[in-house]
Amino acid sequence: MHSPVEQFTIKTLLHLELLGYDVSFSNSALFMILAVLVSVAYLTFAMRNRDMVPGRLQASEEITFHF
């Protein structure tokens, strides 16, 4: 039987050691990088046509940015 908390287990994807410190790349770091990339892509895509009167996409981006 699987534990419901098992999905939150941090697993090492790439083991790295730098000057005696463990700086391994884990699934947690992967999802943090993916979240940043998706956010940057959305903000960049939404602001490609900057207008004085914003459309729906630009307005949603501005609300997100101000939040």
C-alpha atoms as a PDB file:
ATOM      1  CA  MET A   1       0.000   0.000   0.000  1.00  0.00           C
ATOM      2  CA  HIS A   2       1.357   3.401  -0.998  1.00  0.00           C
ATOM      3  CA  SER A   3       1.472   6.311   1.380  1.00  0.00           C
ATOM      4  CA  PRO A   4      -0.263   9.510   0.206  1.00  0.00           C
ATOM      5  CA  VAL A   5       2.801  11.464   1.333  1.00  0.00           C
ATOM      6  CA  GLU A   6       5.067   9.452  -0.995  1.00  0.00           C
ATOM      7  CA  GLN A   7       4.469  11.888  -3.865  1.00  0.00           C
ATOM      8  CA  PHE A   8       6.304  14.604  -1.899  1.00  0.00           C
ATOM      9  CA  THR A   9       9.488  12.581  -1.474  1.00  0.00           C
ATOM     10  CA  ILE A  10      12.526  14.459  -2.752  1.00  0.00           C
ATOM     11  CA  LYS A  11      14.479  12.215  -5.116  1.00  0.00           C
ATOM     12  CA  THR A  12      17.945  12.979  -6.446  1.00  0.00           C
ATOM     13  CA  LEU A  13      17.987  13.150 -10.247  1.00  0.00           C
ATOM     14  CA  LEU A  14      21.611  14.212 -10.725  1.00  0.00           C
ATOM     15  CA  HIS A  15      24.158  13.702  -7.972  1.00  0.00           C
ATOM     16  CA  LEU A  16      26.680  16.557  -7.778  1.00  0.00           C
ATOM     17  CA  GLU A  17      29.291  17.375  -5.191  1.00  0.00           C
ATOM     18  CA  LEU A  18      31.052  20.733  -5.123  1.00  0.00           C
ATOM     19  CA  LEU A  19      33.915  21.439  -2.712  1.00  0.00           C
ATOM     20  CA  GLY A  20      32.653  18.777  -0.343  1.00  0.00           C
ATOM     21  CA  TYR A  21      29.035  20.008  -0.406  1.00  0.00           C
ATOM     22  CA  ASP A  22      26.132  18.028  -1.792  1.00  0.00           C
ATOM     23  CA  VAL A  23      24.554  20.207  -4.504  1.00  0.00           C
ATOM     24  CA  SER A  24      22.513  17.471  -6.158  1.00  0.00           C
ATOM     25  CA  PHE A  25      19.736  18.286  -8.628  1.00  0.00           C
ATOM     26  CA  SER A  26      16.436  16.905  -7.327  1.00  0.00           C
ATOM     27  CA  ASN A  27      12.845  16.638  -8.520  1.00  0.00           C
ATOM     28  CA  SER A  28      12.038  19.619  -6.303  1.00  0.00           C
ATOM     29  CA  ALA A  29      14.610  21.792  -8.098  1.00  0.00           C
ATOM     30  CA  LEU A  30      13.301  20.585 -11.468  1.00  0.00           C
ATOM     31  CA  PHE A  31       9.748  21.681 -10.707  1.00  0.00           C
ATOM     32  CA  MET A  32      10.929  25.037  -9.351  1.00  0.00           C
ATOM     33  CA  ILE A  33      12.803  25.687 -12.601  1.00  0.00           C
ATOM     34  CA  LEU A  34       9.768  24.601 -14.650  1.00  0.00           C
ATOM     35  CA  ALA A  35       7.527  26.974 -12.672  1.00  0.00           C
ATOM     36  CA  VAL A  36       9.876  29.901 -13.332  1.00  0.00           C
ATOM     37  CA  LEU A  37      10.120  29.066 -17.050  1.00  0.00           C
ATOM     38  CA  VAL A  38       6.331  28.815 -17.435  1.00  0.00           C
ATOM     39  CA  SER A  39       5.862  32.113 -15.579  1.00  0.00           C
ATOM     40  CA  VAL A  40       8.462  33.921 -17.685  1.00  0.00           C
ATOM     41  CA  ALA A  41       7.013  32.486 -20.908  1.00  0.00           C
ATOM     42  CA  TYR A  42       3.497  33.623 -19.934  1.00  0.00           C
ATOM     43  CA  LEU A  43       4.622  37.122 -18.978  1.00  0.00           C
ATOM     44  CA  THR A  44       6.698  37.486 -22.146  1.00  0.00           C
ATOM     45  CA  PHE A  45       3.934  36.159 -24.409  1.00  0.00           C
ATOM     46  CA  ALA A  46       1.265  38.346 -22.815  1.00  0.00           C
ATOM     47  CA  MET A  47       3.335  41.524 -23.170  1.00  0.00           C
ATOM     48  CA  ARG A  48       4.434  41.033 -26.787  1.00  0.00           C
ATOM     49  CA  ASN A  49       1.874  43.640 -28.004  1.00  0.00           C
ATOM     50  CA  ARG A  50       1.932  46.489 -25.498  1.00  0.00           C
ATOM     51  CA  ASP A  51      -1.093  48.732 -25.965  1.00  0.00           C
ATOM     52  CA  MET A  52      -2.326  51.777 -24.080  1.00  0.00           C
ATOM     53  CA  VAL A  53      -5.711  50.072 -23.713  1.00  0.00           C
ATOM     54  CA  PRO A  54      -4.857  46.502 -22.742  1.00  0.00           C
ATOM     55  CA  GLY A  55      -6.666  43.480 -24.120  1.00  0.00           C
ATOM     56  CA  ARG A  56      -7.700  40.494 -22.019  1.00  0.00           C
ATOM     57  CA  LEU A  57      -4.317  38.749 -22.101  1.00  0.00           C
ATOM     58  CA  GLN A  58      -2.344  41.905 -21.322  1.00  0.00           C
ATOM     59  CA  ALA A  59      -4.763  42.834 -18.524  1.00  0.00           C
ATOM     60  CA  SER A  60      -4.433  39.378 -16.962  1.00  0.00           C
ATOM     61  CA  GLU A  61      -0.635  39.671 -17.170  1.00  0.00           C
ATOM     62  CA  GLU A  62      -0.669  43.104 -15.525  1.00  0.00           C
ATOM     63  CA  ILE A  63      -2.891  41.813 -12.712  1.00  0.00           C
ATOM     64  CA  THR A  64      -0.550  38.843 -12.263  1.00  0.00           C
ATOM     65  CA  PHE A  65       2.498  41.115 -12.256  1.00  0.00           C
ATOM     66  CA  HIS A  66       0.964  43.479  -9.680  1.00  0.00           C
ATOM     67  CA  PHE A  67      -0.040  40.545  -7.487  1.00  0.00           C
END
